[in-house]
Amino acid sequence: MSRIKDSTIGFGSPGRYIQGKGLLHKLPAYTKKTEKKVLVLIDNFFYGEFTDILTEIYKGKQDVVTTEFGKECTVAEIERVAALAKQLDAGIVAGIGGGKTLDTIKGVANSTKLP
């Protein structure tokens, strides 16, 4: 049995990842660095509830637009959300949900060059 002597490790992640109790209500503090719209991709399990919450907490602060995650992280889904971000002239994209949702929004951020 041979041992690997190379210690190179690859790691990829979004520019910022936050997680914790009550942070949804603090999201505007993280997105205020742009005056443009915020596009939030939300897992289909909580889309309705979180859209209502985000609409309320962003009221009077910044325009927020939500879109429901299409259930699978695919090139087509990344392209759909990226096209929406461009159409809206979004200044930032965010994701709320599980791994597939977050992988999709990372693909959107990468393709649109948005934070």
PDB file of N, CA and C in Angstrom:
ATOM      1  N   MET A   1       0.837  -1.171   0.000  1.00  0.00           N
ATOM      2  CA  MET A   1       0.000   0.000   0.000  1.00  0.00           C
ATOM      3  C   MET A   1       0.894   1.251   0.000  1.00  0.00           C
ATOM      4  N   SER A   2       0.576   2.181  -0.876  1.00  0.00           N
ATOM      5  CA  SER A   2       1.391   3.393  -0.941  1.00  0.00           C
ATOM      6  C   SER A   2       0.691   4.526  -0.187  1.00  0.00           C
ATOM      7  N   ARG A   3       1.475   5.447   0.242  1.00  0.00           N
ATOM      8  CA  ARG A   3       0.943   6.614   0.941  1.00  0.00           C
ATOM      9  C   ARG A   3       1.036   7.823   0.022  1.00  0.00           C
ATOM     10  N   ILE A   4       0.017   8.622   0.046  1.00  0.00           N
ATOM     11  CA  ILE A   4       0.030   9.851  -0.741  1.00  0.00           C
ATOM     12  C   ILE A   4       0.822  10.889   0.036  1.00  0.00           C
ATOM     13  N   LYS A   5       1.820  11.453  -0.620  1.00  0.00           N
ATOM     14  CA  LYS A   5       2.684  12.430   0.045  1.00  0.00           C
ATOM     15  C   LYS A   5       2.337  13.865  -0.335  1.00  0.00           C
ATOM     16  N   ASP A   6       1.493  14.030  -1.326  1.00  0.00           N
ATOM     17  CA  ASP A   6       1.088  15.359  -1.762  1.00  0.00           C
ATOM     18  C   ASP A   6      -0.001  15.878  -0.824  1.00  0.00           C
ATOM     19  N   SER A   7       0.132  17.087  -0.332  1.00  0.00           N
ATOM     20  CA  SER A   7      -0.846  17.643   0.602  1.00  0.00           C
ATOM     21  C   SER A   7      -1.770  18.671  -0.051  1.00  0.00           C
ATOM     22  N   THR A   8      -1.826  18.688  -1.373  1.00  0.00           N
ATOM     23  CA  THR A   8      -2.677  19.640  -2.069  1.00  0.00           C
ATOM     24  C   THR A   8      -4.140  19.283  -1.858  1.00  0.00           C
ATOM     25  N   ILE A   9      -4.932  20.281  -1.504  1.00  0.00           N
ATOM     26  CA  ILE A   9      -6.356  20.093  -1.276  1.00  0.00           C
ATOM     27  C   ILE A   9      -7.094  21.161  -2.072  1.00  0.00           C
ATOM     28  N   GLY A  10      -8.144  20.753  -2.750  1.00  0.00           N
ATOM     29  CA  GLY A  10      -8.976  21.709  -3.473  1.00  0.00           C
ATOM     30  C   GLY A  10     -10.214  22.022  -2.656  1.00  0.00           C
ATOM     31  N   PHE A  11     -10.646  23.273  -2.691  1.00  0.00           N
ATOM     32  CA  PHE A  11     -11.824  23.674  -1.942  1.00  0.00           C
ATOM     33  C   PHE A  11     -12.508  24.799  -2.693  1.00  0.00           C
ATOM     34  N   GLY A  12     -13.804  24.704  -2.844  1.00  0.00           N
ATOM     35  CA  GLY A  12     -14.562  25.766  -3.495  1.00  0.00           C
ATOM     36  C   GLY A  12     -15.745  26.132  -2.627  1.00  0.00           C
ATOM     37  N   SER A  13     -16.070  27.400  -2.563  1.00  0.00           N
ATOM     38  CA  SER A  13     -17.203  27.828  -1.758  1.00  0.00           C
ATOM     39  C   SER A  13     -17.680  29.186  -2.242  1.00  0.00           C
ATOM     40  N   PRO A  14     -18.864  29.599  -1.772  1.00  0.00           N
ATOM     41  CA  PRO A  14     -19.310  30.945  -2.135  1.00  0.00           C
ATOM     42  C   PRO A  14     -18.440  31.984  -1.440  1.00  0.00           C
ATOM     43  N   GLY A  15     -18.550  33.212  -1.911  1.00  0.00           N
ATOM     44  CA  GLY A  15     -17.789  34.285  -1.287  1.00  0.00           C
ATOM     45  C   GLY A  15     -18.166  34.488   0.167  1.00  0.00           C
ATOM     46  N   ARG A  16     -19.400  34.205   0.506  1.00  0.00           N
ATOM     47  CA  ARG A  16     -19.842  34.325   1.890  1.00  0.00           C
ATOM     48  C   ARG A  16     -20.916  33.280   2.132  1.00  0.00           C
ATOM     49  N   TYR A  17     -20.782  32.571   3.228  1.00  0.00           N
ATOM     50  CA  TYR A  17     -21.763  31.572   3.645  1.00  0.00           C
ATOM     51  C   TYR A  17     -22.087  31.848   5.096  1.00  0.00           C
ATOM     52  N   ILE A  18     -23.353  32.108   5.373  1.00  0.00           N
ATOM     53  CA  ILE A  18     -23.755  32.352   6.747  1.00  0.00           C
ATOM     54  C   ILE A  18     -24.862  31.374   7.109  1.00  0.00           C
ATOM     55  N   GLN A  19     -24.885  30.986   8.357  1.00  0.00           N
ATOM     56  CA  GLN A  19     -25.895  30.046   8.809  1.00  0.00           C
ATOM     57  C   GLN A  19     -26.079  30.246  10.307  1.00  0.00           C
ATOM     58  N   GLY A  20     -27.312  30.206  10.759  1.00  0.00           N
ATOM     59  CA  GLY A  20     -27.559  30.313  12.186  1.00  0.00           C
ATOM     60  C   GLY A  20     -28.975  30.749  12.470  1.00  0.00           C
ATOM     61  N   LYS A  21     -29.367  30.541  13.693  1.00  0.00           N
ATOM     62  CA  LYS A  21     -30.717  30.875  14.132  1.00  0.00           C
ATOM     63  C   LYS A  21     -30.959  32.382  14.033  1.00  0.00           C
ATOM     64  N   GLY A  22     -32.068  32.750  13.411  1.00  0.00           N
ATOM     65  CA  GLY A  22     -32.466  34.149  13.320  1.00  0.00           C
ATOM     66  C   GLY A  22     -31.778  34.966  12.246  1.00  0.00           C
ATOM     67  N   LEU A  23     -30.902  34.377  11.469  1.00  0.00           N
ATOM     68  CA  LEU A  23     -30.154  35.161  10.482  1.00  0.00           C
ATOM     69  C   LEU A  23     -30.981  35.585   9.275  1.00  0.00           C
ATOM     70  N   LEU A  24     -32.069  34.906   9.013  1.00  0.00           N
ATOM     71  CA  LEU A  24     -32.907  35.301   7.880  1.00  0.00           C
ATOM     72  C   LEU A  24     -33.322  36.765   8.025  1.00  0.00           C
ATOM     73  N   HIS A  25     -33.659  37.183   9.229  1.00  0.00           N
ATOM     74  CA  HIS A  25     -34.099  38.556   9.459  1.00  0.00           C
ATOM     75  C   HIS A  25     -32.952  39.559   9.383  1.00  0.00           C
ATOM     76  N   LYS A  26     -31.733  39.082   9.364  1.00  0.00           N
ATOM     77  CA  LYS A  26     -30.566  39.957   9.248  1.00  0.00           C
ATOM     78  C   LYS A  26     -30.017  39.992   7.822  1.00  0.00           C
ATOM     79  N   LEU A  27     -30.651  39.285   6.897  1.00  0.00           N
ATOM     80  CA  LEU A  27     -30.155  39.225   5.525  1.00  0.00           C
ATOM     81  C   LEU A  27     -29.964  40.601   4.886  1.00  0.00           C
ATOM     82  N   PRO A  28     -30.868  41.568   5.110  1.00  0.00           N
ATOM     83  CA  PRO A  28     -30.645  42.889   4.506  1.00  0.00           C
ATOM     84  C   PRO A  28     -29.307  43.528   4.903  1.00  0.00           C
ATOM     85  N   ALA A  29     -28.816  43.230   6.082  1.00  0.00           N
ATOM     86  CA  ALA A  29     -27.516  43.778   6.500  1.00  0.00           C
ATOM     87  C   ALA A  29     -26.386  43.216   5.649  1.00  0.00           C
ATOM     88  N   TYR A  30     -26.549  41.994   5.151  1.00  0.00           N
ATOM     89  CA  TYR A  30     -25.515  41.363   4.326  1.00  0.00           C
ATOM     90  C   TYR A  30     -25.617  41.779   2.856  1.00  0.00           C
ATOM     91  N   THR A  31     -26.798  42.225   2.428  1.00  0.00           N
ATOM     92  CA  THR A  31     -26.986  42.546   1.014  1.00  0.00           C
ATOM     93  C   THR A  31     -26.979  44.042   0.726  1.00  0.00           C
ATOM     94  N   LYS A  32     -26.870  44.865   1.751  1.00  0.00           N
ATOM     95  CA  LYS A  32     -26.975  46.313   1.544  1.00  0.00           C
ATOM     96  C   LYS A  32     -25.780  46.919   0.810  1.00  0.00           C
ATOM     97  N   LYS A  33     -24.746  46.118   0.539  1.00  0.00           N
ATOM     98  CA  LYS A  33     -23.579  46.680  -0.157  1.00  0.00           C
ATOM     99  C   LYS A  33     -23.904  47.055  -1.600  1.00  0.00           C
ATOM    100  N   THR A  34     -25.028  46.626  -2.093  1.00  0.00           N
ATOM    101  CA  THR A  34     -25.483  47.037  -3.416  1.00  0.00           C
ATOM    102  C   THR A  34     -26.841  47.711  -3.286  1.00  0.00           C
ATOM    103  N   GLU A  35     -27.076  48.704  -4.103  1.00  0.00           N
ATOM    104  CA  GLU A  35     -28.387  49.352  -4.102  1.00  0.00           C
ATOM    105  C   GLU A  35     -29.315  48.699  -5.107  1.00  0.00           C
ATOM    106  N   LYS A  36     -28.784  47.747  -5.866  1.00  0.00           N
ATOM    107  CA  LYS A  36     -29.604  47.046  -6.844  1.00  0.00           C
ATOM    108  C   LYS A  36     -30.449  45.975  -6.169  1.00  0.00           C
ATOM    109  N   LYS A  37     -31.277  45.331  -6.972  1.00  0.00           N
ATOM    110  CA  LYS A  37     -32.158  44.285  -6.454  1.00  0.00           C
ATOM    111  C   LYS A  37     -31.381  43.083  -5.944  1.00  0.00           C
ATOM    112  N   VAL A  38     -32.004  42.405  -4.998  1.00  0.00           N
ATOM    113  CA  VAL A  38     -31.483  41.162  -4.456  1.00  0.00           C
ATOM    114  C   VAL A  38     -32.342  40.034  -5.016  1.00  0.00           C
ATOM    115  N   LEU A  39     -31.709  39.054  -5.638  1.00  0.00           N
ATOM    116  CA  LEU A  39     -32.424  37.880  -6.136  1.00  0.00           C
ATOM    117  C   LEU A  39     -32.125  36.713  -5.201  1.00  0.00           C
ATOM    118  N   VAL A  40     -33.190  36.112  -4.673  1.00  0.00           N
ATOM    119  CA  VAL A  40     -33.027  35.003  -3.731  1.00  0.00           C
ATOM    120  C   VAL A  40     -33.669  33.750  -4.317  1.00  0.00           C
ATOM    121  N   LEU A  41     -32.863  32.717  -4.471  1.00  0.00           N
ATOM    122  CA  LEU A  41     -33.337  31.404  -4.903  1.00  0.00           C
ATOM    123  C   LEU A  41     -33.695  30.621  -3.644  1.00  0.00           C
ATOM    124  N   ILE A  42     -34.954  30.159  -3.574  1.00  0.00           N
ATOM    125  CA  ILE A  42     -35.439  29.512  -2.358  1.00  0.00           C
ATOM    126  C   ILE A  42     -35.901  28.098  -2.670  1.00  0.00           C
ATOM    127  N   ASP A  43     -35.466  27.180  -1.826  1.00  0.00           N
ATOM    128  CA  ASP A  43     -35.874  25.780  -1.914  1.00  0.00           C
ATOM    129  C   ASP A  43     -37.400  25.695  -1.939  1.00  0.00           C
ATOM    130  N   ASN A  44     -37.923  24.799  -2.751  1.00  0.00           N
ATOM    131  CA  ASN A  44     -39.377  24.709  -2.921  1.00  0.00           C
ATOM    132  C   ASN A  44     -40.110  24.351  -1.631  1.00  0.00           C
ATOM    133  N   PHE A  45     -39.447  23.747  -0.666  1.00  0.00           N
ATOM    134  CA  PHE A  45     -40.102  23.383   0.589  1.00  0.00           C
ATOM    135  C   PHE A  45     -40.545  24.600   1.392  1.00  0.00           C
ATOM    136  N   PHE A  46     -39.800  25.714   1.305  1.00  0.00           N
ATOM    137  CA  PHE A  46     -40.169  26.896   2.078  1.00  0.00           C
ATOM    138  C   PHE A  46     -40.402  28.128   1.223  1.00  0.00           C
ATOM    139  N   TYR A  47     -40.610  27.948  -0.059  1.00  0.00           N
ATOM    140  CA  TYR A  47     -40.706  29.094  -0.960  1.00  0.00           C
ATOM    141  C   TYR A  47     -41.780  30.103  -0.542  1.00  0.00           C
ATOM    142  N   GLY A  48     -42.998  29.647  -0.348  1.00  0.00           N
ATOM    143  CA  GLY A  48     -44.095  30.566  -0.018  1.00  0.00           C
ATOM    144  C   GLY A  48     -43.865  31.310   1.285  1.00  0.00           C
ATOM    145  N   GLU A  49     -43.521  30.568   2.322  1.00  0.00           N
ATOM    146  CA  GLU A  49     -43.308  31.156   3.645  1.00  0.00           C
ATOM    147  C   GLU A  49     -42.148  32.154   3.643  1.00  0.00           C
ATOM    148  N   PHE A  50     -41.026  31.766   3.037  1.00  0.00           N
ATOM    149  CA  PHE A  50     -39.859  32.639   3.060  1.00  0.00           C
ATOM    150  C   PHE A  50     -40.001  33.828   2.117  1.00  0.00           C
ATOM    151  N   THR A  51     -40.751  33.679   1.043  1.00  0.00           N
ATOM    152  CA  THR A  51     -41.021  34.828   0.176  1.00  0.00           C
ATOM    153  C   THR A  51     -41.776  35.892   0.961  1.00  0.00           C
ATOM    154  N   ASP A  52     -42.777  35.467   1.716  1.00  0.00           N
ATOM    155  CA  ASP A  52     -43.543  36.421   2.530  1.00  0.00           C
ATOM    156  C   ASP A  52     -42.652  37.096   3.572  1.00  0.00           C
ATOM    157  N   ILE A  53     -41.813  36.315   4.236  1.00  0.00           N
ATOM    158  CA  ILE A  53     -40.915  36.858   5.261  1.00  0.00           C
ATOM    159  C   ILE A  53     -39.935  37.853   4.645  1.00  0.00           C
ATOM    160  N   LEU A  54     -39.316  37.472   3.529  1.00  0.00           N
ATOM    161  CA  LEU A  54     -38.333  38.361   2.894  1.00  0.00           C
ATOM    162  C   LEU A  54     -38.978  39.641   2.391  1.00  0.00           C
ATOM    163  N   THR A  55     -40.176  39.544   1.841  1.00  0.00           N
ATOM    164  CA  THR A  55     -40.889  40.737   1.377  1.00  0.00           C
ATOM    165  C   THR A  55     -41.091  41.703   2.534  1.00  0.00           C
ATOM    166  N   GLU A  56     -41.445  41.174   3.684  1.00  0.00           N
ATOM    167  CA  GLU A  56     -41.676  42.005   4.867  1.00  0.00           C
ATOM    168  C   GLU A  56     -40.376  42.613   5.406  1.00  0.00           C
ATOM    169  N   ILE A  57     -39.337  41.800   5.550  1.00  0.00           N
ATOM    170  CA  ILE A  57     -38.112  42.339   6.169  1.00  0.00           C
ATOM    171  C   ILE A  57     -37.331  43.276   5.252  1.00  0.00           C
ATOM    172  N   TYR A  58     -37.571  43.188   3.946  1.00  0.00           N
ATOM    173  CA  TYR A  58     -36.899  44.093   3.009  1.00  0.00           C
ATOM    174  C   TYR A  58     -37.712  45.362   2.736  1.00  0.00           C
ATOM    175  N   LYS A  59     -38.941  45.408   3.199  1.00  0.00           N
ATOM    176  CA  LYS A  59     -39.818  46.548   2.931  1.00  0.00           C
ATOM    177  C   LYS A  59     -39.143  47.850   3.357  1.00  0.00           C
ATOM    178  N   GLY A  60     -39.043  48.786   2.424  1.00  0.00           N
ATOM    179  CA  GLY A  60     -38.444  50.080   2.700  1.00  0.00           C
ATOM    180  C   GLY A  60     -36.926  50.088   2.728  1.00  0.00           C
ATOM    181  N   LYS A  61     -36.297  48.942   2.478  1.00  0.00           N
ATOM    182  CA  LYS A  61     -34.841  48.866   2.532  1.00  0.00           C
ATOM    183  C   LYS A  61     -34.225  48.659   1.154  1.00  0.00           C
ATOM    184  N   GLN A  62     -34.717  47.661   0.455  1.00  0.00           N
ATOM    185  CA  GLN A  62     -34.103  47.250  -0.805  1.00  0.00           C
ATOM    186  C   GLN A  62     -35.119  46.390  -1.540  1.00  0.00           C
ATOM    187  N   ASP A  63     -35.060  46.374  -2.857  1.00  0.00           N
ATOM    188  CA  ASP A  63     -35.953  45.511  -3.624  1.00  0.00           C
ATOM    189  C   ASP A  63     -35.439  44.085  -3.575  1.00  0.00           C
ATOM    190  N   VAL A  64     -36.322  43.149  -3.242  1.00  0.00           N
ATOM    191  CA  VAL A  64     -35.974  41.738  -3.206  1.00  0.00           C
ATOM    192  C   VAL A  64     -36.933  40.983  -4.117  1.00  0.00           C
ATOM    193  N   VAL A  65     -36.378  40.072  -4.898  1.00  0.00           N
ATOM    194  CA  VAL A  65     -37.171  39.222  -5.777  1.00  0.00           C
ATOM    195  C   VAL A  65     -36.804  37.785  -5.437  1.00  0.00           C
ATOM    196  N   THR A  66     -37.811  36.940  -5.287  1.00  0.00           N
ATOM    197  CA  THR A  66     -37.552  35.532  -5.002  1.00  0.00           C
ATOM    198  C   THR A  66     -37.943  34.681  -6.194  1.00  0.00           C
ATOM    199  N   THR A  67     -37.284  33.564  -6.315  1.00  0.00           N
ATOM    200  CA  THR A  67     -37.647  32.583  -7.330  1.00  0.00           C
ATOM    201  C   THR A  67     -37.511  31.202  -6.710  1.00  0.00           C
ATOM    202  N   GLU A  68     -38.408  30.324  -7.107  1.00  0.00           N
ATOM    203  CA  GLU A  68     -38.442  28.983  -6.537  1.00  0.00           C
ATOM    204  C   GLU A  68     -37.448  28.069  -7.238  1.00  0.00           C
ATOM    205  N   PHE A  69     -36.686  27.340  -6.442  1.00  0.00           N
ATOM    206  CA  PHE A  69     -35.721  26.387  -6.961  1.00  0.00           C
ATOM    207  C   PHE A  69     -36.445  25.277  -7.716  1.00  0.00           C
ATOM    208  N   GLY A  70     -35.902  24.909  -8.861  1.00  0.00           N
ATOM    209  CA  GLY A  70     -36.516  23.912  -9.735  1.00  0.00           C
ATOM    210  C   GLY A  70     -36.239  22.465  -9.367  1.00  0.00           C
ATOM    211  N   LYS A  71     -35.844  22.191  -8.157  1.00  0.00           N
ATOM    212  CA  LYS A  71     -35.676  20.848  -7.586  1.00  0.00           C
ATOM    213  C   LYS A  71     -34.393  20.113  -7.949  1.00  0.00           C
ATOM    214  N   GLU A  72     -33.704  20.513  -8.993  1.00  0.00           N
ATOM    215  CA  GLU A  72     -32.444  19.845  -9.374  1.00  0.00           C
ATOM    216  C   GLU A  72     -31.417  20.893  -9.790  1.00  0.00           C
ATOM    217  N   CYS A  73     -30.185  20.653  -9.447  1.00  0.00           N
ATOM    218  CA  CYS A  73     -29.084  21.527  -9.851  1.00  0.00           C
ATOM    219  C   CYS A  73     -28.626  21.082 -11.235  1.00  0.00           C
ATOM    220  N   THR A  74     -29.071  21.799 -12.242  1.00  0.00           N
ATOM    221  CA  THR A  74     -28.731  21.470 -13.620  1.00  0.00           C
ATOM    222  C   THR A  74     -28.215  22.724 -14.320  1.00  0.00           C
ATOM    223  N   VAL A  75     -27.587  22.523 -15.452  1.00  0.00           N
ATOM    224  CA  VAL A  75     -27.139  23.666 -16.254  1.00  0.00           C
ATOM    225  C   VAL A  75     -28.347  24.513 -16.650  1.00  0.00           C
ATOM    226  N   ALA A  76     -29.441  23.870 -17.007  1.00  0.00           N
ATOM    227  CA  ALA A  76     -30.644  24.606 -17.398  1.00  0.00           C
ATOM    228  C   ALA A  76     -31.180  25.461 -16.250  1.00  0.00           C
ATOM    229  N   GLU A  77     -31.154  24.934 -15.030  1.00  0.00           N
ATOM    230  CA  GLU A  77     -31.641  25.699 -13.875  1.00  0.00           C
ATOM    231  C   GLU A  77     -30.706  26.865 -13.576  1.00  0.00           C
ATOM    232  N   ILE A  78     -29.419  26.644 -13.662  1.00  0.00           N
ATOM    233  CA  ILE A  78     -28.462  27.735 -13.465  1.00  0.00           C
ATOM    234  C   ILE A  78     -28.682  28.818 -14.519  1.00  0.00           C
ATOM    235  N   GLU A  79     -28.859  28.426 -15.758  1.00  0.00           N
ATOM    236  CA  GLU A  79     -29.091  29.393 -16.837  1.00  0.00           C
ATOM    237  C   GLU A  79     -30.404  30.153 -16.638  1.00  0.00           C
ATOM    238  N   ARG A  80     -31.450  29.468 -16.158  1.00  0.00           N
ATOM    239  CA  ARG A  80     -32.751  30.122 -15.917  1.00  0.00           C
ATOM    240  C   ARG A  80     -32.602  31.211 -14.858  1.00  0.00           C
ATOM    241  N   VAL A  81     -31.977  30.882 -13.750  1.00  0.00           N
ATOM    242  CA  VAL A  81     -31.834  31.846 -12.654  1.00  0.00           C
ATOM    243  C   VAL A  81     -30.857  32.959 -13.040  1.00  0.00           C
ATOM    244  N   ALA A  82     -29.798  32.625 -13.753  1.00  0.00           N
ATOM    245  CA  ALA A  82     -28.852  33.648 -14.218  1.00  0.00           C
ATOM    246  C   ALA A  82     -29.535  34.623 -15.169  1.00  0.00           C
ATOM    247  N   ALA A  83     -30.378  34.118 -16.057  1.00  0.00           N
ATOM    248  CA  ALA A  83     -31.112  34.989 -16.982  1.00  0.00           C
ATOM    249  C   ALA A  83     -32.046  35.920 -16.209  1.00  0.00           C
ATOM    250  N   LEU A  84     -32.678  35.396 -15.166  1.00  0.00           N
ATOM    251  CA  LEU A  84     -33.549  36.223 -14.333  1.00  0.00           C
ATOM    252  C   LEU A  84     -32.738  37.308 -13.626  1.00  0.00           C
ATOM    253  N   ALA A  85     -31.573  36.956 -13.108  1.00  0.00           N
ATOM    254  CA  ALA A  85     -30.711  37.945 -12.453  1.00  0.00           C
ATOM    255  C   ALA A  85     -30.334  39.060 -13.420  1.00  0.00           C
ATOM    256  N   LYS A  86     -29.996  38.699 -14.638  1.00  0.00           N
ATOM    257  CA  LYS A  86     -29.634  39.704 -15.649  1.00  0.00           C
ATOM    258  C   LYS A  86     -30.839  40.550 -16.019  1.00  0.00           C
ATOM    259  N   GLN A  87     -31.992  39.918 -16.197  1.00  0.00           N
ATOM    260  CA  GLN A  87     -33.222  40.634 -16.545  1.00  0.00           C
ATOM    261  C   GLN A  87     -33.589  41.653 -15.464  1.00  0.00           C
ATOM    262  N   LEU A  88     -33.424  41.273 -14.211  1.00  0.00           N
ATOM    263  CA  LEU A  88     -33.749  42.148 -13.095  1.00  0.00           C
ATOM    264  C   LEU A  88     -32.681  43.197 -12.815  1.00  0.00           C
ATOM    265  N   ASP A  89     -31.510  43.044 -13.434  1.00  0.00           N
ATOM    266  CA  ASP A  89     -30.344  43.861 -13.123  1.00  0.00           C
ATOM    267  C   ASP A  89     -30.017  43.742 -11.639  1.00  0.00           C
ATOM    268  N   ALA A  90     -30.032  42.492 -11.152  1.00  0.00           N
ATOM    269  CA  ALA A  90     -29.737  42.221  -9.743  1.00  0.00           C
ATOM    270  C   ALA A  90     -28.302  42.599  -9.418  1.00  0.00           C
ATOM    271  N   GLY A  91     -28.100  43.004  -8.188  1.00  0.00           N
ATOM    272  CA  GLY A  91     -26.766  43.350  -7.736  1.00  0.00           C
ATOM    273  C   GLY A  91     -26.136  42.274  -6.880  1.00  0.00           C
ATOM    274  N   ILE A  92     -26.962  41.340  -6.430  1.00  0.00           N
ATOM    275  CA  ILE A  92     -26.485  40.266  -5.567  1.00  0.00           C
ATOM    276  C   ILE A  92     -27.464  39.101  -5.665  1.00  0.00           C
ATOM    277  N   VAL A  93     -26.948  37.888  -5.530  1.00  0.00           N
ATOM    278  CA  VAL A  93     -27.802  36.699  -5.512  1.00  0.00           C
ATOM    279  C   VAL A  93     -27.571  35.952  -4.206  1.00  0.00           C
ATOM    280  N   ALA A  94     -28.630  35.332  -3.707  1.00  0.00           N
ATOM    281  CA  ALA A  94     -28.537  34.563  -2.465  1.00  0.00           C
ATOM    282  C   ALA A  94     -29.364  33.300  -2.613  1.00  0.00           C
ATOM    283  N   GLY A  95     -29.018  32.298  -1.835  1.00  0.00           N
ATOM    284  CA  GLY A  95     -29.756  31.045  -1.862  1.00  0.00           C
ATOM    285  C   GLY A  95     -30.172  30.642  -0.466  1.00  0.00           C
ATOM    286  N   ILE A  96     -31.362  30.087  -0.362  1.00  0.00           N
ATOM    287  CA  ILE A  96     -31.875  29.584   0.910  1.00  0.00           C
ATOM    288  C   ILE A  96     -32.394  28.185   0.663  1.00  0.00           C
ATOM    289  N   GLY A  97     -31.780  27.216   1.313  1.00  0.00           N
ATOM    290  CA  GLY A  97     -32.236  25.849   1.142  1.00  0.00           C
ATOM    291  C   GLY A  97     -31.117  24.858   1.357  1.00  0.00           C
ATOM    292  N   GLY A  98     -31.284  23.715   0.742  1.00  0.00           N
ATOM    293  CA  GLY A  98     -30.318  22.634   0.894  1.00  0.00           C
ATOM    294  C   GLY A  98     -29.185  22.713  -0.106  1.00  0.00           C
ATOM    295  N   GLY A  99     -28.426  21.634  -0.169  1.00  0.00           N
ATOM    296  CA  GLY A  99     -27.221  21.594  -0.984  1.00  0.00           C
ATOM    297  C   GLY A  99     -27.436  21.860  -2.456  1.00  0.00           C
ATOM    298  N   LYS A 100     -28.476  21.288  -3.041  1.00  0.00           N
ATOM    299  CA  LYS A 100     -28.717  21.500  -4.475  1.00  0.00           C
ATOM    300  C   LYS A 100     -29.070  22.955  -4.760  1.00  0.00           C
ATOM    301  N   THR A 101     -29.879  23.548  -3.870  1.00  0.00           N
ATOM    302  CA  THR A 101     -30.247  24.955  -4.035  1.00  0.00           C
ATOM    303  C   THR A 101     -29.002  25.834  -3.960  1.00  0.00           C
ATOM    304  N   LEU A 102     -28.165  25.567  -2.978  1.00  0.00           N
ATOM    305  CA  LEU A 102     -26.963  26.386  -2.801  1.00  0.00           C
ATOM    306  C   LEU A 102     -25.944  26.144  -3.899  1.00  0.00           C
ATOM    307  N   ASP A 103     -25.828  24.908  -4.378  1.00  0.00           N
ATOM    308  CA  ASP A 103     -24.938  24.648  -5.516  1.00  0.00           C
ATOM    309  C   ASP A 103     -25.421  25.403  -6.750  1.00  0.00           C
ATOM    310  N   THR A 104     -26.734  25.460  -6.927  1.00  0.00           N
ATOM    311  CA  THR A 104     -27.296  26.180  -8.084  1.00  0.00           C
ATOM    312  C   THR A 104     -26.982  27.663  -7.999  1.00  0.00           C
ATOM    313  N   ILE A 105     -27.194  28.272  -6.827  1.00  0.00           N
ATOM    314  CA  ILE A 105     -26.956  29.713  -6.731  1.00  0.00           C
ATOM    315  C   ILE A 105     -25.468  30.029  -6.839  1.00  0.00           C
ATOM    316  N   LYS A 106     -24.605  29.095  -6.415  1.00  0.00           N
ATOM    317  CA  LYS A 106     -23.158  29.299  -6.629  1.00  0.00           C
ATOM    318  C   LYS A 106     -22.859  29.309  -8.120  1.00  0.00           C
ATOM    319  N   GLY A 107     -23.515  28.434  -8.889  1.00  0.00           N
ATOM    320  CA  GLY A 107     -23.337  28.418 -10.349  1.00  0.00           C
ATOM    321  C   GLY A 107     -23.837  29.719 -10.968  1.00  0.00           C
ATOM    322  N   VAL A 108     -24.946  30.229 -10.458  1.00  0.00           N
ATOM    323  CA  VAL A 108     -25.498  31.508 -10.944  1.00  0.00           C
ATOM    324  C   VAL A 108     -24.517  32.636 -10.655  1.00  0.00           C
ATOM    325  N   ALA A 109     -24.012  32.680  -9.429  1.00  0.00           N
ATOM    326  CA  ALA A 109     -23.058  33.729  -9.061  1.00  0.00           C
ATOM    327  C   ALA A 109     -21.818  33.674  -9.930  1.00  0.00           C
ATOM    328  N   ASN A 110     -21.360  32.470 -10.190  1.00  0.00           N
ATOM    329  CA  ASN A 110     -20.175  32.305 -11.031  1.00  0.00           C
ATOM    330  C   ASN A 110     -20.428  32.773 -12.462  1.00  0.00           C
ATOM    331  N   SER A 111     -21.563  32.402 -13.023  1.00  0.00           N
ATOM    332  CA  SER A 111     -21.823  32.755 -14.420  1.00  0.00           C
ATOM    333  C   SER A 111     -22.181  34.228 -14.611  1.00  0.00           C
ATOM    334  N   THR A 112     -22.750  34.854 -13.594  1.00  0.00           N
ATOM    335  CA  THR A 112     -23.129  36.269 -13.700  1.00  0.00           C
ATOM    336  C   THR A 112     -22.086  37.208 -13.113  1.00  0.00           C
ATOM    337  N   LYS A 113     -21.102  36.641 -12.417  1.00  0.00           N
ATOM    338  CA  LYS A 113     -20.056  37.419 -11.735  1.00  0.00           C
ATOM    339  C   LYS A 113     -20.648  38.319 -10.658  1.00  0.00           C
ATOM    340  N   LEU A 114     -21.762  37.864 -10.045  1.00  0.00           N
ATOM    341  CA  LEU A 114     -22.386  38.604  -8.960  1.00  0.00           C
ATOM    342  C   LEU A 114     -21.994  38.006  -7.613  1.00  0.00           C
ATOM    343  N   PRO A 115     -21.917  38.858  -6.603  1.00  0.00           N
ATOM    344  CA  PRO A 115     -21.654  38.308  -5.260  1.00  0.00           C
ATOM    345  C   PRO A 115     -22.876  37.547  -4.743  1.00  0.00           C
TER     346      PRO A 115
END
